Amino acid sequence: MHEVTSLSANWYHLNRYDFDLRLADGSWQRQTREAYDRGNGATILLYNRARRSVVLTRQFRLPAFLNGMTDGQMIEAPAGLLDDDSPGDAIRREVAEETGYRVGDVEPVFDIFMSPGSVTERLHFFMAEYDPSDRPTNGGGAEGENENIEVLEIGFDSALAMVASGEIRDAKTILLLYHMRLRGVL
């Protein structure tokens, strides 16, 4: 790494990196790239076998609105940043904040880079069964974060149909729904 220049540190960090990259022929080339560092995160698909349902959220997403989504409302699996927690602890916290449900055991699915061309975030994916009676709060997001999250309980087949119709357009949610389908969980 030759030089790192901070371009923005308002919410997260946008940096420009000047570095040398070894090419396939063995030669070196100086390159400049920008990367957005927002920290690592976790996401989860809550499901209930008896009801054949999943719990998703709906909330306004400015980038989706700016890129042509008329109302900016995205249907998504609960997710959030790790902060200083382990991925499992972080997703349990996020589930409680966003949906109001308490979950104990969370099953790791995989961890991947969602947009490695521009964002450093590594996202940890989980699944967990939820019990409709274990919801001490209504969720809706962390107080003071202005999240305004709506909690949705949707039949699994309906959720898959919403992917096909374009109603669900969030990559992490689609990956989790298809993973659950491939594994035959519901």
C-alpha atoms as a PDB file:
ATOM      1  CA  MET A   1       0.000   0.000   0.000  1.00  0.00           C
ATOM      2  CA  HIS A   2       1.525   3.290  -1.028  1.00  0.00           C
ATOM      3  CA  GLU A   3      -1.046   5.794   0.112  1.00  0.00           C
ATOM      4  CA  VAL A   4      -4.460   5.875   1.792  1.00  0.00           C
ATOM      5  CA  THR A   5      -6.462   9.081   1.474  1.00  0.00           C
ATOM      6  CA  SER A   6      -9.630   9.650   3.471  1.00  0.00           C
ATOM      7  CA  LEU A   7     -12.366  10.991   1.203  1.00  0.00           C
ATOM      8  CA  SER A   8     -15.154  10.932   3.787  1.00  0.00           C
ATOM      9  CA  ALA A   9     -15.597   9.877   7.395  1.00  0.00           C
ATOM     10  CA  ASN A  10     -19.104  11.204   7.987  1.00  0.00           C
ATOM     11  CA  TRP A  11     -21.084   8.046   8.659  1.00  0.00           C
ATOM     12  CA  TYR A  12     -18.610   5.332   7.684  1.00  0.00           C
ATOM     13  CA  HIS A  13     -15.287   5.655   5.865  1.00  0.00           C
ATOM     14  CA  LEU A  14     -14.619   6.180   2.165  1.00  0.00           C
ATOM     15  CA  ASN A  15     -10.921   5.936   1.325  1.00  0.00           C
ATOM     16  CA  ARG A  16      -8.806   6.069  -1.821  1.00  0.00           C
ATOM     17  CA  TYR A  17      -5.990   3.512  -1.963  1.00  0.00           C
ATOM     18  CA  ASP A  18      -2.878   3.703  -4.146  1.00  0.00           C
ATOM     19  CA  PHE A  19      -1.202   0.284  -4.356  1.00  0.00           C
ATOM     20  CA  ASP A  20       0.806  -2.045  -6.567  1.00  0.00           C
ATOM     21  CA  LEU A  21      -0.937  -5.112  -7.974  1.00  0.00           C
ATOM     22  CA  ARG A  22       0.958  -8.114  -9.332  1.00  0.00           C
ATOM     23  CA  LEU A  23      -0.523  -9.091 -12.710  1.00  0.00           C
ATOM     24  CA  ALA A  24      -0.862 -12.610 -14.136  1.00  0.00           C
ATOM     25  CA  ASP A  25       2.310 -12.162 -16.211  1.00  0.00           C
ATOM     26  CA  GLY A  26       4.321 -11.350 -13.048  1.00  0.00           C
ATOM     27  CA  SER A  27       4.653  -7.639 -13.728  1.00  0.00           C
ATOM     28  CA  TRP A  28       3.512  -4.961 -11.290  1.00  0.00           C
ATOM     29  CA  GLN A  29       1.016  -2.211 -11.991  1.00  0.00           C
ATOM     30  CA  ARG A  30       0.221   0.844  -9.860  1.00  0.00           C
ATOM     31  CA  GLN A  31      -3.536   1.116  -9.284  1.00  0.00           C
ATOM     32  CA  THR A  32      -5.906   3.471  -7.495  1.00  0.00           C
ATOM     33  CA  ARG A  33      -9.222   2.301  -6.059  1.00  0.00           C
ATOM     34  CA  GLU A  34     -11.819   3.579  -3.620  1.00  0.00           C
ATOM     35  CA  ALA A  35     -13.402   1.420  -0.939  1.00  0.00           C
ATOM     36  CA  TYR A  36     -16.242   2.120   1.461  1.00  0.00           C
ATOM     37  CA  ASP A  37     -15.635   0.684   4.939  1.00  0.00           C
ATOM     38  CA  ARG A  38     -18.863   0.357   6.909  1.00  0.00           C
ATOM     39  CA  GLY A  39     -17.817  -2.491   9.181  1.00  0.00           C
ATOM     40  CA  ASN A  40     -18.952  -6.115   9.075  1.00  0.00           C
ATOM     41  CA  GLY A  41     -22.526  -7.266   9.552  1.00  0.00           C
ATOM     42  CA  ALA A  42     -24.887 -10.155  10.128  1.00  0.00           C
ATOM     43  CA  THR A  43     -28.278 -11.145   8.766  1.00  0.00           C
ATOM     44  CA  ILE A  44     -30.765 -13.879   9.644  1.00  0.00           C
ATOM     45  CA  LEU A  45     -33.836 -15.595   8.300  1.00  0.00           C
ATOM     46  CA  LEU A  46     -36.301 -16.423  11.066  1.00  0.00           C
ATOM     47  CA  TYR A  47     -38.618 -19.303  10.187  1.00  0.00           C
ATOM     48  CA  ASN A  48     -41.385 -21.319  11.807  1.00  0.00           C
ATOM     49  CA  ARG A  49     -41.878 -24.908  10.619  1.00  0.00           C
ATOM     50  CA  ALA A  50     -45.436 -25.300  11.940  1.00  0.00           C
ATOM     51  CA  ARG A  51     -46.653 -22.131  10.219  1.00  0.00           C
ATOM     52  CA  ARG A  52     -44.334 -22.512   7.177  1.00  0.00           C
ATOM     53  CA  SER A  53     -43.577 -18.823   7.618  1.00  0.00           C
ATOM     54  CA  VAL A  54     -40.658 -16.420   7.767  1.00  0.00           C
ATOM     55  CA  VAL A  55     -40.211 -13.077   9.509  1.00  0.00           C
ATOM     56  CA  LEU A  56     -39.010 -10.195   7.357  1.00  0.00           C
ATOM     57  CA  THR A  57     -38.923  -6.436   7.780  1.00  0.00           C
ATOM     58  CA  ARG A  58     -39.947  -3.484   5.639  1.00  0.00           C
ATOM     59  CA  GLN A  59     -38.169  -0.151   5.884  1.00  0.00           C
ATOM     60  CA  PHE A  60     -37.168   2.875   3.830  1.00  0.00           C
ATOM     61  CA  ARG A  61     -33.755   2.622   2.140  1.00  0.00           C
ATOM     62  CA  LEU A  62     -32.454   5.868   0.654  1.00  0.00           C
ATOM     63  CA  PRO A  63     -30.086   4.215  -1.880  1.00  0.00           C
ATOM     64  CA  ALA A  64     -32.963   2.119  -3.286  1.00  0.00           C
ATOM     65  CA  PHE A  65     -35.120   5.243  -3.535  1.00  0.00           C
ATOM     66  CA  LEU A  66     -32.314   7.160  -5.261  1.00  0.00           C
ATOM     67  CA  ASN A  67     -31.914   4.312  -7.754  1.00  0.00           C
ATOM     68  CA  GLY A  68     -35.522   4.269  -8.957  1.00  0.00           C
ATOM     69  CA  MET A  69     -37.508   2.411  -6.307  1.00  0.00           C
ATOM     70  CA  THR A  70     -40.535   4.681  -6.123  1.00  0.00           C
ATOM     71  CA  ASP A  71     -41.228   4.531  -2.379  1.00  0.00           C
ATOM     72  CA  GLY A  72     -37.819   3.241  -1.240  1.00  0.00           C
ATOM     73  CA  GLN A  73     -39.476   0.582   0.939  1.00  0.00           C
ATOM     74  CA  MET A  74     -37.408  -2.629   0.981  1.00  0.00           C
ATOM     75  CA  ILE A  75     -38.517  -5.997   2.320  1.00  0.00           C
ATOM     76  CA  GLU A  76     -35.516  -7.605   3.987  1.00  0.00           C
ATOM     77  CA  ALA A  77     -34.254 -10.164   6.437  1.00  0.00           C
ATOM     78  CA  PRO A  78     -33.259  -8.576   9.762  1.00  0.00           C
ATOM     79  CA  ALA A  79     -29.645  -7.428   9.719  1.00  0.00           C
ATOM     80  CA  GLY A  80     -27.181  -5.084  11.316  1.00  0.00           C
ATOM     81  CA  LEU A  81     -23.572  -4.246  11.994  1.00  0.00           C
ATOM     82  CA  LEU A  82     -21.461  -6.319  14.370  1.00  0.00           C
ATOM     83  CA  ASP A  83     -20.141  -3.364  16.376  1.00  0.00           C
ATOM     84  CA  ASP A  84     -17.910  -5.084  18.975  1.00  0.00           C
ATOM     85  CA  ASP A  85     -20.011  -8.267  19.189  1.00  0.00           C
ATOM     86  CA  SER A  86     -19.468 -11.710  17.710  1.00  0.00           C
ATOM     87  CA  PRO A  87     -21.638 -12.326  14.622  1.00  0.00           C
ATOM     88  CA  GLY A  88     -24.011 -14.578  16.632  1.00  0.00           C
ATOM     89  CA  ASP A  89     -24.428 -12.088  19.470  1.00  0.00           C
ATOM     90  CA  ALA A  90     -24.867  -9.213  17.027  1.00  0.00           C
ATOM     91  CA  ILE A  91     -27.643 -10.936  15.091  1.00  0.00           C
ATOM     92  CA  ARG A  92     -29.507 -11.870  18.291  1.00  0.00           C
ATOM     93  CA  ARG A  93     -29.369  -8.178  19.299  1.00  0.00           C
ATOM     94  CA  GLU A  94     -30.562  -7.041  15.860  1.00  0.00           C
ATOM     95  CA  VAL A  95     -33.425  -9.559  15.807  1.00  0.00           C
ATOM     96  CA  ALA A  96     -34.670  -8.273  19.157  1.00  0.00           C
ATOM     97  CA  GLU A  97     -34.356  -4.611  18.102  1.00  0.00           C
ATOM     98  CA  GLU A  98     -35.924  -5.017  14.672  1.00  0.00           C
ATOM     99  CA  THR A  99     -38.557  -7.729  15.162  1.00  0.00           C
ATOM    100  CA  GLY A 100     -39.084  -8.042  18.924  1.00  0.00           C
ATOM    101  CA  TYR A 101     -38.400 -11.799  18.803  1.00  0.00           C
ATOM    102  CA  ARG A 102     -35.931 -13.538  21.088  1.00  0.00           C
ATOM    103  CA  VAL A 103     -33.921 -16.318  19.506  1.00  0.00           C
ATOM    104  CA  GLY A 104     -31.470 -18.618  21.224  1.00  0.00           C
ATOM    105  CA  ASP A 105     -29.575 -20.888  18.877  1.00  0.00           C
ATOM    106  CA  VAL A 106     -28.691 -19.357  15.542  1.00  0.00           C
ATOM    107  CA  GLU A 107     -27.382 -21.583  12.755  1.00  0.00           C
ATOM    108  CA  PRO A 108     -24.484 -20.145  10.753  1.00  0.00           C
ATOM    109  CA  VAL A 109     -25.069 -20.508   7.007  1.00  0.00           C
ATOM    110  CA  PHE A 110     -22.060 -18.771   5.406  1.00  0.00           C
ATOM    111  CA  ASP A 111     -20.227 -15.460   5.382  1.00  0.00           C
ATOM    112  CA  ILE A 112     -19.682 -13.591   2.125  1.00  0.00           C
ATOM    113  CA  PHE A 113     -18.741 -10.271   0.592  1.00  0.00           C
ATOM    114  CA  MET A 114     -21.856  -8.721  -0.937  1.00  0.00           C
ATOM    115  CA  SER A 115     -20.189  -6.044  -3.052  1.00  0.00           C
ATOM    116  CA  PRO A 116     -16.424  -6.677  -3.019  1.00  0.00           C
ATOM    117  CA  GLY A 117     -15.716  -4.225  -5.830  1.00  0.00           C
ATOM    118  CA  SER A 118     -16.440  -1.234  -3.615  1.00  0.00           C
ATOM    119  CA  VAL A 119     -17.447  -2.205  -0.048  1.00  0.00           C
ATOM    120  CA  THR A 120     -15.266  -3.939   2.575  1.00  0.00           C
ATOM    121  CA  GLU A 121     -18.214  -5.422   4.495  1.00  0.00           C
ATOM    122  CA  ARG A 122     -18.208  -9.147   5.219  1.00  0.00           C
ATOM    123  CA  LEU A 123     -21.752 -10.327   5.948  1.00  0.00           C
ATOM    124  CA  HIS A 124     -22.452 -13.331   8.213  1.00  0.00           C
ATOM    125  CA  PHE A 125     -25.659 -15.230   7.355  1.00  0.00           C
ATOM    126  CA  PHE A 126     -27.745 -17.167   9.895  1.00  0.00           C
ATOM    127  CA  MET A 127     -31.048 -19.040  10.196  1.00  0.00           C
ATOM    128  CA  ALA A 128     -33.077 -19.625  13.335  1.00  0.00           C
ATOM    129  CA  GLU A 129     -36.490 -20.958  14.203  1.00  0.00           C
ATOM    130  CA  TYR A 130     -38.739 -18.486  15.960  1.00  0.00           C
ATOM    131  CA  ASP A 131     -41.610 -19.105  18.334  1.00  0.00           C
ATOM    132  CA  PRO A 132     -44.521 -16.656  17.894  1.00  0.00           C
ATOM    133  CA  SER A 133     -45.034 -16.641  21.677  1.00  0.00           C
ATOM    134  CA  ASP A 134     -41.442 -15.486  22.350  1.00  0.00           C
ATOM    135  CA  ARG A 135     -41.833 -11.864  21.314  1.00  0.00           C
ATOM    136  CA  PRO A 136     -41.594  -9.588  24.363  1.00  0.00           C
ATOM    137  CA  THR A 137     -41.667  -6.381  22.271  1.00  0.00           C
ATOM    138  CA  ASN A 138     -43.030  -5.281  18.896  1.00  0.00           C
ATOM    139  CA  GLY A 139     -39.557  -4.502  17.529  1.00  0.00           C
ATOM    140  CA  GLY A 140     -39.446  -1.668  15.038  1.00  0.00           C
ATOM    141  CA  GLY A 141     -35.778  -0.751  15.458  1.00  0.00           C
ATOM    142  CA  ALA A 142     -33.436   0.585  18.078  1.00  0.00           C
ATOM    143  CA  GLU A 143     -34.624   3.643  19.924  1.00  0.00           C
ATOM    144  CA  GLY A 144     -32.877   6.760  18.701  1.00  0.00           C
ATOM    145  CA  GLU A 145     -31.910   5.302  15.299  1.00  0.00           C
ATOM    146  CA  ASN A 146     -35.082   6.434  13.448  1.00  0.00           C
ATOM    147  CA  GLU A 147     -35.428   3.071  11.719  1.00  0.00           C
ATOM    148  CA  ASN A 148     -39.252   2.847  11.534  1.00  0.00           C
ATOM    149  CA  ILE A 149     -39.201  -0.884  10.800  1.00  0.00           C
ATOM    150  CA  GLU A 150     -42.387  -2.793  10.014  1.00  0.00           C
ATOM    151  CA  VAL A 151     -42.306  -6.486  10.960  1.00  0.00           C
ATOM    152  CA  LEU A 152     -43.851  -8.930   8.466  1.00  0.00           C
ATOM    153  CA  GLU A 153     -44.727 -12.577   9.017  1.00  0.00           C
ATOM    154  CA  ILE A 154     -45.037 -14.092   5.539  1.00  0.00           C
ATOM    155  CA  GLY A 155     -45.744 -17.613   4.331  1.00  0.00           C
ATOM    156  CA  PHE A 156     -42.600 -19.181   2.884  1.00  0.00           C
ATOM    157  CA  ASP A 157     -44.180 -19.868  -0.517  1.00  0.00           C
ATOM    158  CA  SER A 158     -45.486 -16.294  -0.621  1.00  0.00           C
ATOM    159  CA  ALA A 159     -42.008 -14.952   0.141  1.00  0.00           C
ATOM    160  CA  LEU A 160     -40.561 -16.967  -2.764  1.00  0.00           C
ATOM    161  CA  ALA A 161     -43.339 -15.632  -5.019  1.00  0.00           C
ATOM    162  CA  MET A 162     -42.439 -12.096  -3.890  1.00  0.00           C
ATOM    163  CA  VAL A 163     -38.870 -12.698  -5.080  1.00  0.00           C
ATOM    164  CA  ALA A 164     -40.172 -13.870  -8.467  1.00  0.00           C
ATOM    165  CA  SER A 165     -42.465 -10.842  -8.789  1.00  0.00           C
ATOM    166  CA  GLY A 166     -39.740  -8.371  -7.802  1.00  0.00           C
ATOM    167  CA  GLU A 167     -41.418  -7.366  -4.549  1.00  0.00           C
ATOM    168  CA  ILE A 168     -38.401  -8.682  -2.631  1.00  0.00           C
ATOM    169  CA  ARG A 169     -35.243  -7.266  -4.224  1.00  0.00           C
ATOM    170  CA  ASP A 170     -32.759  -7.413  -1.361  1.00  0.00           C
ATOM    171  CA  ALA A 171     -29.817  -9.729  -2.140  1.00  0.00           C
ATOM    172  CA  LYS A 172     -29.231 -11.025   1.393  1.00  0.00           C
ATOM    173  CA  THR A 173     -32.906 -11.907   1.780  1.00  0.00           C
ATOM    174  CA  ILE A 174     -33.058 -13.686  -1.575  1.00  0.00           C
ATOM    175  CA  LEU A 175     -29.920 -15.676  -0.729  1.00  0.00           C
ATOM    176  CA  LEU A 176     -31.391 -16.784   2.598  1.00  0.00           C
ATOM    177  CA  LEU A 177     -34.777 -17.717   1.121  1.00  0.00           C
ATOM    178  CA  TYR A 178     -33.188 -19.733  -1.687  1.00  0.00           C
ATOM    179  CA  HIS A 179     -30.756 -21.369   0.728  1.00  0.00           C
ATOM    180  CA  MET A 180     -33.672 -22.452   2.905  1.00  0.00           C
ATOM    181  CA  ARG A 181     -35.478 -23.771  -0.183  1.00  0.00           C
ATOM    182  CA  LEU A 182     -32.413 -25.723  -1.363  1.00  0.00           C
ATOM    183  CA  ARG A 183     -31.964 -27.279   2.075  1.00  0.00           C
ATOM    184  CA  GLY A 184     -35.656 -28.210   2.245  1.00  0.00           C
ATOM    185  CA  VAL A 185     -36.114 -26.558   5.637  1.00  0.00           C
ATOM    186  CA  LEU A 186     -39.694 -25.473   4.865  1.00  0.00           C
END
